[in-house]
Structure formats: structure tokens, C-alpha cells
Amino acid sequence: MASSDITVEILKDIRDEIRGINTRLDGTNTRLDGVTERLDGVTERLDGVTERLDLVETTLLDLASQHGFLVRYTRTIAERESRLEPRVNALEGRVEKLESK
């Protein structure tokens, strides 16, 4: 009988330990659910950040395109002026000669 009592006590202890483990697992699962909710919130915020970064990227690409246009336009104007300047100087010289006559 004594060994039977010891077996029953051991089995009761095992049962109690399993119940304790189940309780701790339930608590862990509850905490994991909270972590999952927080991660979902972080994911939503990251989606918003991604959208804003896409908008910034598009804006910067548009700005770069406009900047390239402005550089080409400025270069064209500068080149045109450099070609016109000798011609204008020559015309001014001719007008001065005509006026001095």
C-alpha cells in the first residue's frame, strides 16, 4: 500500500505541475497576443511611412527632372549670348563708324 500511496502522490504532483505549466502557457499566449497586436500597429505605421517615402521619391524625381531642364535652358541661353556678343560688338562698331561720318 505504501508504494501505491507514493505513486498517487507523485501523480498528483505531476498533475499540479502540468496545471501550473498550462497556466504559465496561457499567460504567455496572452502576452504573445499583445505583441501580435503591437506588431500589427507597427506594420500599419510602416505602410504609412512607405507611402510617404514613395511620395518623397516621386517628388525628388520630378524635381531632378525640372532641375535638368533648367540646367539645359541656362546652358542654351549662355551659349546663345556668347555667340551673339561678337556680332553685337561688330554691329556697334559699324554704327559708331556710321555716326562719326
N, C-alpha and C. Protein backbone atom coordinates (compact mmCIF):
# COMPACT_ATOMS: atom_id res chain seq x y z
N MET A 1 0.80 -1.19 0.00
CA MET A 1 0.00 0.00 0.00
C MET A 1 0.85 1.26 0.00
N ALA A 2 1.95 1.28 0.63
CA ALA A 2 2.79 2.46 0.74
C ALA A 2 3.28 2.89 -0.63
N SER A 3 3.65 1.92 -1.47
CA SER A 3 4.13 2.29 -2.80
C SER A 3 2.98 2.85 -3.64
N SER A 4 1.78 2.37 -3.41
CA SER A 4 0.61 2.88 -4.12
C SER A 4 0.33 4.32 -3.72
N ASP A 5 0.48 4.62 -2.41
CA ASP A 5 0.28 5.99 -1.92
C ASP A 5 1.33 6.94 -2.51
N ILE A 6 2.55 6.46 -2.57
CA ILE A 6 3.63 7.28 -3.13
C ILE A 6 3.37 7.54 -4.61
N THR A 7 2.90 6.53 -5.33
CA THR A 7 2.60 6.67 -6.75
C THR A 7 1.50 7.71 -6.94
N VAL A 8 0.47 7.65 -6.10
CA VAL A 8 -0.63 8.59 -6.20
C VAL A 8 -0.13 10.01 -5.92
N GLU A 9 0.71 10.17 -4.93
CA GLU A 9 1.26 11.48 -4.60
C GLU A 9 2.12 12.03 -5.73
N ILE A 10 2.93 11.15 -6.31
CA ILE A 10 3.78 11.56 -7.44
C ILE A 10 2.89 11.99 -8.61
N LEU A 11 1.85 11.22 -8.89
CA LEU A 11 0.93 11.55 -9.98
C LEU A 11 0.21 12.87 -9.70
N LYS A 12 -0.16 13.11 -8.44
CA LYS A 12 -0.81 14.38 -8.08
C LYS A 12 0.16 15.55 -8.29
N ASP A 13 1.42 15.34 -7.88
CA ASP A 13 2.43 16.39 -8.08
C ASP A 13 2.63 16.68 -9.58
N ILE A 14 2.67 15.62 -10.38
CA ILE A 14 2.82 15.78 -11.83
C ILE A 14 1.62 16.55 -12.38
N ARG A 15 0.41 16.18 -11.91
CA ARG A 15 -0.81 16.87 -12.36
C ARG A 15 -0.75 18.34 -11.99
N ASP A 16 -0.34 18.65 -10.78
CA ASP A 16 -0.26 20.04 -10.34
C ASP A 16 0.77 20.83 -11.16
N GLU A 17 1.89 20.20 -11.44
CA GLU A 17 2.92 20.85 -12.25
C GLU A 17 2.39 21.12 -13.66
N ILE A 18 1.67 20.16 -14.21
CA ILE A 18 1.11 20.35 -15.56
C ILE A 18 0.11 21.49 -15.55
N ARG A 19 -0.70 21.58 -14.51
CA ARG A 19 -1.66 22.69 -14.41
C ARG A 19 -0.92 24.02 -14.32
N GLY A 20 0.17 24.04 -13.58
CA GLY A 20 0.97 25.26 -13.46
C GLY A 20 1.58 25.64 -14.80
N ILE A 21 2.06 24.64 -15.52
CA ILE A 21 2.63 24.89 -16.84
C ILE A 21 1.55 25.43 -17.76
N ASN A 22 0.35 24.84 -17.72
CA ASN A 22 -0.75 25.31 -18.56
C ASN A 22 -1.10 26.76 -18.23
N THR A 23 -1.10 27.11 -16.95
CA THR A 23 -1.40 28.48 -16.54
C THR A 23 -0.34 29.43 -17.08
N ARG A 24 0.94 29.03 -16.96
CA ARG A 24 2.02 29.88 -17.49
C ARG A 24 1.92 29.99 -19.01
N LEU A 25 1.57 28.91 -19.68
CA LEU A 25 1.41 28.95 -21.14
C LEU A 25 0.26 29.88 -21.54
N ASP A 26 -0.82 29.86 -20.77
CA ASP A 26 -1.93 30.77 -21.05
C ASP A 26 -1.48 32.22 -20.93
N GLY A 27 -0.70 32.51 -19.90
CA GLY A 27 -0.17 33.86 -19.71
C GLY A 27 0.76 34.24 -20.86
N THR A 28 1.59 33.29 -21.27
CA THR A 28 2.50 33.55 -22.40
C THR A 28 1.71 33.81 -23.67
N ASN A 29 0.67 33.02 -23.90
CA ASN A 29 -0.17 33.21 -25.08
C ASN A 29 -0.84 34.59 -25.06
N THR A 30 -1.28 35.01 -23.89
CA THR A 30 -1.91 36.33 -23.76
C THR A 30 -0.90 37.43 -24.10
N ARG A 31 0.32 37.29 -23.58
CA ARG A 31 1.35 38.28 -23.89
C ARG A 31 1.69 38.26 -25.37
N LEU A 32 1.75 37.08 -25.96
CA LEU A 32 2.04 36.98 -27.40
C LEU A 32 0.94 37.63 -28.23
N ASP A 33 -0.31 37.50 -27.78
CA ASP A 33 -1.40 38.18 -28.49
C ASP A 33 -1.20 39.69 -28.45
N GLY A 34 -0.76 40.20 -27.30
CA GLY A 34 -0.49 41.63 -27.18
C GLY A 34 0.65 42.05 -28.10
N VAL A 35 1.68 41.23 -28.16
CA VAL A 35 2.81 41.52 -29.05
C VAL A 35 2.34 41.52 -30.50
N THR A 36 1.50 40.57 -30.86
CA THR A 36 0.98 40.49 -32.23
C THR A 36 0.19 41.75 -32.57
N GLU A 37 -0.62 42.22 -31.65
CA GLU A 37 -1.38 43.45 -31.88
C GLU A 37 -0.44 44.65 -32.07
N ARG A 38 0.59 44.71 -31.24
CA ARG A 38 1.54 45.81 -31.37
C ARG A 38 2.27 45.72 -32.71
N LEU A 39 2.65 44.52 -33.12
CA LEU A 39 3.33 44.36 -34.41
C LEU A 39 2.41 44.75 -35.56
N ASP A 40 1.12 44.45 -35.43
CA ASP A 40 0.17 44.87 -36.46
C ASP A 40 0.14 46.40 -36.55
N GLY A 41 0.17 47.06 -35.40
CA GLY A 41 0.20 48.53 -35.38
C GLY A 41 1.48 49.07 -36.02
N VAL A 42 2.60 48.43 -35.71
CA VAL A 42 3.87 48.85 -36.30
C VAL A 42 3.83 48.65 -37.81
N THR A 43 3.26 47.54 -38.25
CA THR A 43 3.15 47.26 -39.69
C THR A 43 2.31 48.33 -40.37
N GLU A 44 1.22 48.74 -39.76
CA GLU A 44 0.37 49.79 -40.34
C GLU A 44 1.14 51.10 -40.43
N ARG A 45 1.89 51.43 -39.37
CA ARG A 45 2.66 52.67 -39.41
C ARG A 45 3.76 52.60 -40.47
N LEU A 46 4.38 51.45 -40.61
CA LEU A 46 5.41 51.29 -41.64
C LEU A 46 4.81 51.42 -43.03
N ASP A 47 3.60 50.93 -43.21
CA ASP A 47 2.92 51.09 -44.50
C ASP A 47 2.73 52.58 -44.80
N GLY A 48 2.34 53.34 -43.78
CA GLY A 48 2.17 54.79 -43.95
C GLY A 48 3.49 55.46 -44.28
N VAL A 49 4.55 55.04 -43.60
CA VAL A 49 5.88 55.61 -43.87
C VAL A 49 6.31 55.27 -45.30
N THR A 50 6.04 54.05 -45.72
CA THR A 50 6.39 53.64 -47.08
C THR A 50 5.65 54.49 -48.11
N GLU A 51 4.38 54.76 -47.87
CA GLU A 51 3.62 55.61 -48.79
C GLU A 51 4.21 57.01 -48.86
N ARG A 52 4.56 57.56 -47.68
CA ARG A 52 5.15 58.90 -47.66
C ARG A 52 6.50 58.91 -48.36
N LEU A 53 7.31 57.87 -48.15
CA LEU A 53 8.61 57.80 -48.81
C LEU A 53 8.44 57.67 -50.32
N ASP A 54 7.43 56.94 -50.77
CA ASP A 54 7.15 56.85 -52.20
C ASP A 54 6.82 58.23 -52.76
N LEU A 55 6.04 58.99 -52.01
CA LEU A 55 5.69 60.34 -52.44
C LEU A 55 6.93 61.23 -52.49
N VAL A 56 7.80 61.12 -51.49
CA VAL A 56 9.03 61.90 -51.47
C VAL A 56 9.91 61.51 -52.66
N GLU A 57 10.00 60.21 -52.92
CA GLU A 57 10.81 59.75 -54.06
C GLU A 57 10.28 60.32 -55.37
N THR A 58 8.97 60.25 -55.55
CA THR A 58 8.36 60.79 -56.77
C THR A 58 8.63 62.28 -56.90
N THR A 59 8.48 63.00 -55.80
CA THR A 59 8.72 64.45 -55.80
C THR A 59 10.17 64.76 -56.14
N LEU A 60 11.10 64.00 -55.55
CA LEU A 60 12.52 64.24 -55.84
C LEU A 60 12.86 63.92 -57.29
N LEU A 61 12.25 62.88 -57.84
CA LEU A 61 12.50 62.57 -59.25
C LEU A 61 11.96 63.67 -60.16
N ASP A 62 10.78 64.19 -59.82
CA ASP A 62 10.23 65.31 -60.58
C ASP A 62 11.14 66.54 -60.47
N LEU A 63 11.60 66.80 -59.26
CA LEU A 63 12.50 67.94 -59.04
C LEU A 63 13.79 67.77 -59.83
N ALA A 64 14.34 66.57 -59.85
CA ALA A 64 15.57 66.33 -60.61
C ALA A 64 15.33 66.56 -62.10
N SER A 65 14.18 66.13 -62.58
CA SER A 65 13.85 66.35 -63.98
C SER A 65 13.75 67.84 -64.30
N GLN A 66 13.07 68.59 -63.43
CA GLN A 66 12.95 70.04 -63.63
C GLN A 66 14.31 70.72 -63.53
N HIS A 67 15.14 70.24 -62.62
CA HIS A 67 16.48 70.80 -62.47
C HIS A 67 17.29 70.57 -63.75
N GLY A 68 17.19 69.38 -64.33
CA GLY A 68 17.88 69.10 -65.59
C GLY A 68 17.41 70.02 -66.70
N PHE A 69 16.09 70.25 -66.76
CA PHE A 69 15.55 71.17 -67.76
C PHE A 69 16.11 72.57 -67.56
N LEU A 70 16.15 73.02 -66.32
CA LEU A 70 16.66 74.35 -66.01
C LEU A 70 18.13 74.48 -66.39
N VAL A 71 18.91 73.46 -66.13
CA VAL A 71 20.34 73.49 -66.47
C VAL A 71 20.51 73.57 -67.99
N ARG A 72 19.75 72.76 -68.72
CA ARG A 72 19.84 72.80 -70.19
C ARG A 72 19.42 74.17 -70.72
N TYR A 73 18.35 74.72 -70.17
CA TYR A 73 17.87 76.03 -70.61
C TYR A 73 18.93 77.11 -70.33
N THR A 74 19.48 77.09 -69.14
CA THR A 74 20.50 78.08 -68.78
C THR A 74 21.73 77.94 -69.67
N ARG A 75 22.14 76.72 -69.94
CA ARG A 75 23.29 76.49 -70.81
C ARG A 75 23.01 77.02 -72.22
N THR A 76 21.81 76.76 -72.71
CA THR A 76 21.43 77.23 -74.05
C THR A 76 21.47 78.75 -74.11
N ILE A 77 20.92 79.41 -73.10
CA ILE A 77 20.91 80.88 -73.06
C ILE A 77 22.35 81.40 -73.02
N ALA A 78 23.18 80.79 -72.19
CA ALA A 78 24.57 81.25 -72.06
C ALA A 78 25.31 81.07 -73.38
N GLU A 79 25.09 79.95 -74.05
CA GLU A 79 25.76 79.71 -75.33
C GLU A 79 25.26 80.70 -76.38
N ARG A 80 23.99 80.97 -76.38
CA ARG A 80 23.44 81.92 -77.35
C ARG A 80 24.03 83.31 -77.14
N GLU A 81 24.13 83.70 -75.87
CA GLU A 81 24.72 85.02 -75.58
C GLU A 81 26.17 85.07 -76.01
N SER A 82 26.90 84.00 -75.82
CA SER A 82 28.32 84.02 -76.21
C SER A 82 28.48 84.09 -77.73
N ARG A 83 27.52 83.55 -78.48
CA ARG A 83 27.58 83.65 -79.94
C ARG A 83 27.12 85.03 -80.42
N LEU A 84 26.19 85.63 -79.69
CA LEU A 84 25.66 86.93 -80.11
C LEU A 84 26.59 88.09 -79.77
N GLU A 85 27.34 87.95 -78.71
CA GLU A 85 28.17 89.07 -78.24
C GLU A 85 29.14 89.57 -79.31
N PRO A 86 29.89 88.73 -79.99
CA PRO A 86 30.79 89.25 -81.03
C PRO A 86 30.03 89.96 -82.17
N ARG A 87 28.88 89.43 -82.50
CA ARG A 87 28.08 90.04 -83.57
C ARG A 87 27.57 91.41 -83.14
N VAL A 88 27.11 91.52 -81.89
CA VAL A 88 26.62 92.80 -81.37
C VAL A 88 27.76 93.80 -81.32
N ASN A 89 28.93 93.37 -80.87
CA ASN A 89 30.09 94.27 -80.81
C ASN A 89 30.45 94.77 -82.21
N ALA A 90 30.39 93.87 -83.19
CA ALA A 90 30.70 94.26 -84.56
C ALA A 90 29.68 95.28 -85.06
N LEU A 91 28.42 95.05 -84.78
CA LEU A 91 27.37 95.99 -85.19
C LEU A 91 27.55 97.34 -84.50
N GLU A 92 27.88 97.33 -83.23
CA GLU A 92 28.12 98.59 -82.51
C GLU A 92 29.27 99.35 -83.14
N GLY A 93 30.31 98.64 -83.52
CA GLY A 93 31.46 99.28 -84.17
C GLY A 93 31.05 99.91 -85.49
N ARG A 94 30.25 99.18 -86.25
CA ARG A 94 29.80 99.72 -87.54
C ARG A 94 28.92 100.94 -87.35
N VAL A 95 28.02 100.91 -86.32
CA VAL A 95 27.15 102.06 -86.06
C VAL A 95 27.98 103.26 -85.64
N GLU A 96 28.98 103.05 -84.81
CA GLU A 96 29.85 104.15 -84.38
C GLU A 96 30.56 104.77 -85.58
N LYS A 97 31.02 103.93 -86.49
CA LYS A 97 31.68 104.45 -87.70
C LYS A 97 30.72 105.26 -88.54
N LEU A 98 29.49 104.75 -88.66
CA LEU A 98 28.49 105.47 -89.45
C LEU A 98 28.11 106.78 -88.80
N GLU A 99 28.00 106.80 -87.48
CA GLU A 99 27.62 108.02 -86.78
C GLU A 99 28.73 109.05 -86.80
N SER A 100 29.95 108.58 -86.83
CA SER A 100 31.06 109.54 -86.81
C SER A 100 31.27 110.20 -88.17
N LYS A 101 30.69 109.71 -89.22
CA LYS A 101 30.83 110.30 -90.56
C LYS A 101 30.03 111.51 -90.70
